[in-house]
């Protein structure tokens, strides 16, 4: 069981973004959760079921995708070091 099998789309905020990456061609795009919360069927899916139902948007690919939750938090480089 991964973290995707514990979170439903309803658990996410409407302003959250989902990063989708094709496993075949590597094409990456972002989608807003609000696009799927307004629809009755997809909003009740867990993220692993949602991921299995999606396919690549690139022309003539239609490969399976991998999703990740993107964050607006600022990341910082490694600050410490060996003494």
N, C-alpha and C. Protein backbone atom coordinates (compact mmCIF):
# COMPACT_ATOMS: atom_id res chain seq x y z
N UNK A 1 0.84 -1.18 0.00
CA UNK A 1 0.00 0.00 0.00
C UNK A 1 0.88 1.24 0.00
N UNK A 2 0.59 2.12 -0.89
CA UNK A 2 1.35 3.37 -0.96
C UNK A 2 0.49 4.53 -0.47
N UNK A 3 1.06 5.70 -0.46
CA UNK A 3 0.33 6.88 -0.01
C UNK A 3 -0.83 7.20 -0.95
N UNK A 4 -0.75 6.73 -2.19
CA UNK A 4 -1.81 7.01 -3.16
C UNK A 4 -3.08 6.23 -2.86
N UNK A 5 -2.97 5.12 -2.16
CA UNK A 5 -4.15 4.32 -1.85
C UNK A 5 -4.85 4.79 -0.58
N UNK A 6 -4.33 5.82 0.07
CA UNK A 6 -4.94 6.34 1.30
C UNK A 6 -5.61 7.70 1.11
N UNK A 7 -5.37 8.36 0.00
CA UNK A 7 -5.88 9.72 -0.21
C UNK A 7 -6.88 9.72 -1.37
N UNK A 8 -8.06 10.29 -1.11
CA UNK A 8 -9.04 10.49 -2.17
C UNK A 8 -8.86 11.88 -2.76
N UNK A 9 -9.43 12.09 -3.93
CA UNK A 9 -9.37 13.41 -4.55
C UNK A 9 -10.10 14.43 -3.70
N UNK A 10 -11.14 13.99 -2.99
CA UNK A 10 -11.88 14.90 -2.11
C UNK A 10 -11.02 15.42 -0.96
N UNK A 11 -9.96 14.69 -0.60
CA UNK A 11 -9.09 15.11 0.50
C UNK A 11 -8.17 16.25 0.11
N UNK A 12 -8.02 16.50 -1.18
CA UNK A 12 -7.11 17.54 -1.66
C UNK A 12 -7.84 18.87 -1.75
N UNK A 13 -7.11 19.95 -1.69
CA UNK A 13 -7.69 21.28 -1.85
C UNK A 13 -7.97 21.59 -3.31
N UNK A 14 -8.93 22.46 -3.55
CA UNK A 14 -9.27 22.81 -4.93
C UNK A 14 -8.14 23.51 -5.67
N UNK A 15 -7.27 24.18 -4.94
CA UNK A 15 -6.16 24.91 -5.57
C UNK A 15 -4.92 24.05 -5.75
N UNK A 16 -4.93 22.82 -5.26
CA UNK A 16 -3.77 21.94 -5.41
C UNK A 16 -3.60 21.53 -6.87
N UNK A 17 -2.34 21.27 -7.23
CA UNK A 17 -2.05 20.83 -8.59
C UNK A 17 -1.51 19.40 -8.55
N UNK A 18 -1.86 18.64 -9.59
CA UNK A 18 -1.36 17.28 -9.74
C UNK A 18 -0.39 17.28 -10.92
N UNK A 19 0.83 16.83 -10.67
CA UNK A 19 1.83 16.71 -11.73
C UNK A 19 1.68 15.33 -12.35
N UNK A 20 1.47 15.28 -13.66
CA UNK A 20 1.31 14.02 -14.38
C UNK A 20 2.48 13.84 -15.32
N UNK A 21 3.12 12.66 -15.28
CA UNK A 21 4.25 12.35 -16.14
C UNK A 21 3.99 11.03 -16.83
N UNK A 22 4.17 11.01 -18.15
CA UNK A 22 3.97 9.80 -18.93
C UNK A 22 5.14 8.85 -18.70
N UNK A 23 4.83 7.58 -18.48
CA UNK A 23 5.88 6.58 -18.27
C UNK A 23 6.53 6.17 -19.59
N UNK A 24 5.84 6.40 -20.72
CA UNK A 24 6.38 6.00 -22.02
C UNK A 24 7.25 7.08 -22.65
N UNK A 25 6.69 8.28 -22.79
CA UNK A 25 7.40 9.33 -23.53
C UNK A 25 8.03 10.40 -22.63
N UNK A 26 7.66 10.44 -21.35
CA UNK A 26 8.24 11.41 -20.43
C UNK A 26 7.58 12.78 -20.44
N UNK A 27 6.51 12.96 -21.19
CA UNK A 27 5.78 14.23 -21.24
C UNK A 27 5.20 14.55 -19.86
N UNK A 28 5.34 15.78 -19.42
CA UNK A 28 4.87 16.20 -18.09
C UNK A 28 3.91 17.37 -18.23
N UNK A 29 2.82 17.34 -17.49
CA UNK A 29 1.86 18.44 -17.45
C UNK A 29 1.23 18.51 -16.07
N UNK A 30 0.60 19.64 -15.79
CA UNK A 30 -0.03 19.88 -14.49
C UNK A 30 -1.53 20.04 -14.69
N UNK A 31 -2.29 19.50 -13.74
CA UNK A 31 -3.74 19.66 -13.76
C UNK A 31 -4.19 20.11 -12.37
N UNK A 32 -5.22 20.93 -12.33
CA UNK A 32 -5.77 21.39 -11.06
C UNK A 32 -6.79 20.38 -10.53
N UNK A 33 -6.80 20.20 -9.24
CA UNK A 33 -7.75 19.29 -8.59
C UNK A 33 -9.18 19.76 -8.81
N UNK A 34 -9.37 21.07 -8.91
CA UNK A 34 -10.72 21.63 -9.09
C UNK A 34 -11.38 21.13 -10.37
N UNK A 35 -10.59 20.72 -11.37
CA UNK A 35 -11.17 20.18 -12.60
C UNK A 35 -11.88 18.85 -12.36
N UNK A 36 -11.45 18.12 -11.35
CA UNK A 36 -12.01 16.79 -11.09
C UNK A 36 -12.95 16.76 -9.89
N UNK A 37 -12.85 17.73 -9.00
CA UNK A 37 -13.74 17.76 -7.82
C UNK A 37 -15.18 18.06 -8.23
N UNK A 38 -15.36 18.83 -9.27
CA UNK A 38 -16.71 19.20 -9.70
C UNK A 38 -17.43 18.05 -10.40
N UNK A 39 -16.71 17.03 -10.83
CA UNK A 39 -17.33 15.88 -11.48
C UNK A 39 -17.66 14.83 -10.42
N UNK A 40 -18.78 14.15 -10.56
CA UNK A 40 -19.24 13.23 -9.52
C UNK A 40 -18.38 11.98 -9.41
N UNK A 41 -18.03 11.34 -10.52
CA UNK A 41 -17.32 10.07 -10.45
C UNK A 41 -15.87 10.18 -10.00
N UNK A 42 -15.03 11.00 -10.62
CA UNK A 42 -13.61 10.99 -10.26
C UNK A 42 -13.31 11.48 -8.85
N UNK A 43 -14.13 12.33 -8.28
CA UNK A 43 -13.79 12.91 -6.98
C UNK A 43 -13.81 11.89 -5.85
N UNK A 44 -14.46 10.75 -6.03
CA UNK A 44 -14.51 9.73 -4.98
C UNK A 44 -13.42 8.68 -5.13
N UNK A 45 -12.61 8.78 -6.17
CA UNK A 45 -11.55 7.80 -6.38
C UNK A 45 -10.35 8.08 -5.48
N UNK A 46 -9.68 7.02 -5.11
CA UNK A 46 -8.38 7.16 -4.45
C UNK A 46 -7.36 7.50 -5.53
N UNK A 47 -6.24 8.08 -5.14
CA UNK A 47 -5.27 8.55 -6.13
C UNK A 47 -4.68 7.43 -6.97
N UNK A 48 -4.53 6.22 -6.43
CA UNK A 48 -4.01 5.13 -7.24
C UNK A 48 -5.02 4.70 -8.31
N UNK A 49 -6.31 4.71 -7.98
CA UNK A 49 -7.35 4.40 -8.96
C UNK A 49 -7.45 5.51 -10.00
N UNK A 50 -7.32 6.74 -9.55
CA UNK A 50 -7.35 7.89 -10.45
C UNK A 50 -6.18 7.84 -11.43
N UNK A 51 -5.01 7.49 -10.93
CA UNK A 51 -3.81 7.38 -11.76
C UNK A 51 -3.98 6.30 -12.84
N UNK A 52 -4.59 5.18 -12.48
CA UNK A 52 -4.80 4.08 -13.42
C UNK A 52 -5.80 4.45 -14.52
N UNK A 53 -6.70 5.39 -14.25
CA UNK A 53 -7.71 5.76 -15.24
C UNK A 53 -7.23 6.81 -16.24
N UNK A 54 -6.10 7.45 -15.97
CA UNK A 54 -5.60 8.50 -16.85
C UNK A 54 -4.62 7.96 -17.88
N UNK A 55 -4.46 8.71 -18.97
CA UNK A 55 -3.48 8.35 -20.00
C UNK A 55 -2.82 9.62 -20.51
N UNK A 56 -1.75 9.45 -21.25
CA UNK A 56 -0.94 10.57 -21.74
C UNK A 56 -1.73 11.45 -22.71
N UNK A 57 -1.51 12.75 -22.64
CA UNK A 57 -2.18 13.71 -23.52
C UNK A 57 -1.40 13.97 -24.80
N UNK A 58 -0.19 13.47 -24.88
CA UNK A 58 0.65 13.71 -26.05
C UNK A 58 0.07 12.97 -27.25
N UNK A 59 0.19 13.59 -28.42
CA UNK A 59 -0.36 13.01 -29.63
C UNK A 59 0.25 11.64 -29.91
N UNK A 60 -0.59 10.66 -30.15
CA UNK A 60 -0.19 9.31 -30.56
C UNK A 60 0.60 8.56 -29.49
N UNK A 61 0.45 8.88 -28.23
CA UNK A 61 1.17 8.16 -27.18
C UNK A 61 0.20 7.31 -26.36
N UNK A 62 -0.71 7.94 -25.63
CA UNK A 62 -1.72 7.27 -24.79
C UNK A 62 -1.12 6.30 -23.78
N UNK A 63 0.11 6.56 -23.32
CA UNK A 63 0.76 5.71 -22.33
C UNK A 63 0.21 5.93 -20.93
N UNK A 64 0.58 5.04 -20.03
CA UNK A 64 0.18 5.18 -18.63
C UNK A 64 0.98 6.30 -18.00
N UNK A 65 0.39 6.91 -16.97
CA UNK A 65 1.06 8.05 -16.34
C UNK A 65 1.34 7.78 -14.87
N UNK A 66 2.22 8.61 -14.33
CA UNK A 66 2.55 8.60 -12.90
C UNK A 66 2.18 9.98 -12.37
N UNK A 67 1.45 10.04 -11.25
CA UNK A 67 1.07 11.33 -10.71
C UNK A 67 1.85 11.62 -9.43
N UNK A 68 2.01 12.90 -9.17
CA UNK A 68 2.65 13.38 -7.95
C UNK A 68 1.97 14.67 -7.55
N UNK A 69 1.94 14.94 -6.27
CA UNK A 69 1.36 16.19 -5.79
C UNK A 69 2.45 17.24 -5.80
N UNK A 70 2.19 18.34 -6.48
CA UNK A 70 3.19 19.42 -6.51
C UNK A 70 2.95 20.35 -5.34
N UNK A 71 4.01 21.00 -4.92
CA UNK A 71 3.95 21.87 -3.75
C UNK A 71 4.52 23.23 -4.10
N UNK A 72 3.94 24.26 -3.54
CA UNK A 72 4.43 25.62 -3.75
C UNK A 72 5.49 25.99 -2.72
N UNK A 73 5.81 25.07 -1.82
CA UNK A 73 6.78 25.36 -0.77
C UNK A 73 8.17 25.56 -1.37
N UNK A 74 8.91 26.47 -0.79
CA UNK A 74 10.25 26.76 -1.27
C UNK A 74 11.22 25.69 -0.74
N UNK A 75 12.04 25.18 -1.61
CA UNK A 75 13.03 24.19 -1.19
C UNK A 75 14.39 24.85 -1.08
N UNK A 76 15.19 24.36 -0.17
CA UNK A 76 16.52 24.92 0.05
C UNK A 76 17.56 23.83 -0.14
N UNK A 77 18.74 24.23 -0.52
CA UNK A 77 19.83 23.30 -0.69
C UNK A 77 20.38 22.83 0.65
N UNK A 78 21.28 21.90 0.60
CA UNK A 78 21.90 21.35 1.81
C UNK A 78 22.69 22.44 2.50
N UNK A 79 22.43 22.67 3.78
CA UNK A 79 23.06 23.76 4.51
C UNK A 79 24.23 23.30 5.37
N UNK A 80 24.23 22.05 5.76
CA UNK A 80 25.26 21.55 6.67
C UNK A 80 26.46 21.01 5.90
N UNK A 81 27.37 20.47 6.62
CA UNK A 81 28.54 19.88 6.00
C UNK A 81 29.33 19.08 7.01
N UNK A 82 30.35 18.44 6.56
CA UNK A 82 31.21 17.67 7.46
C UNK A 82 32.22 18.60 8.10
N UNK A 83 32.43 18.43 9.37
CA UNK A 83 33.37 19.29 10.09
C UNK A 83 34.78 18.74 10.02
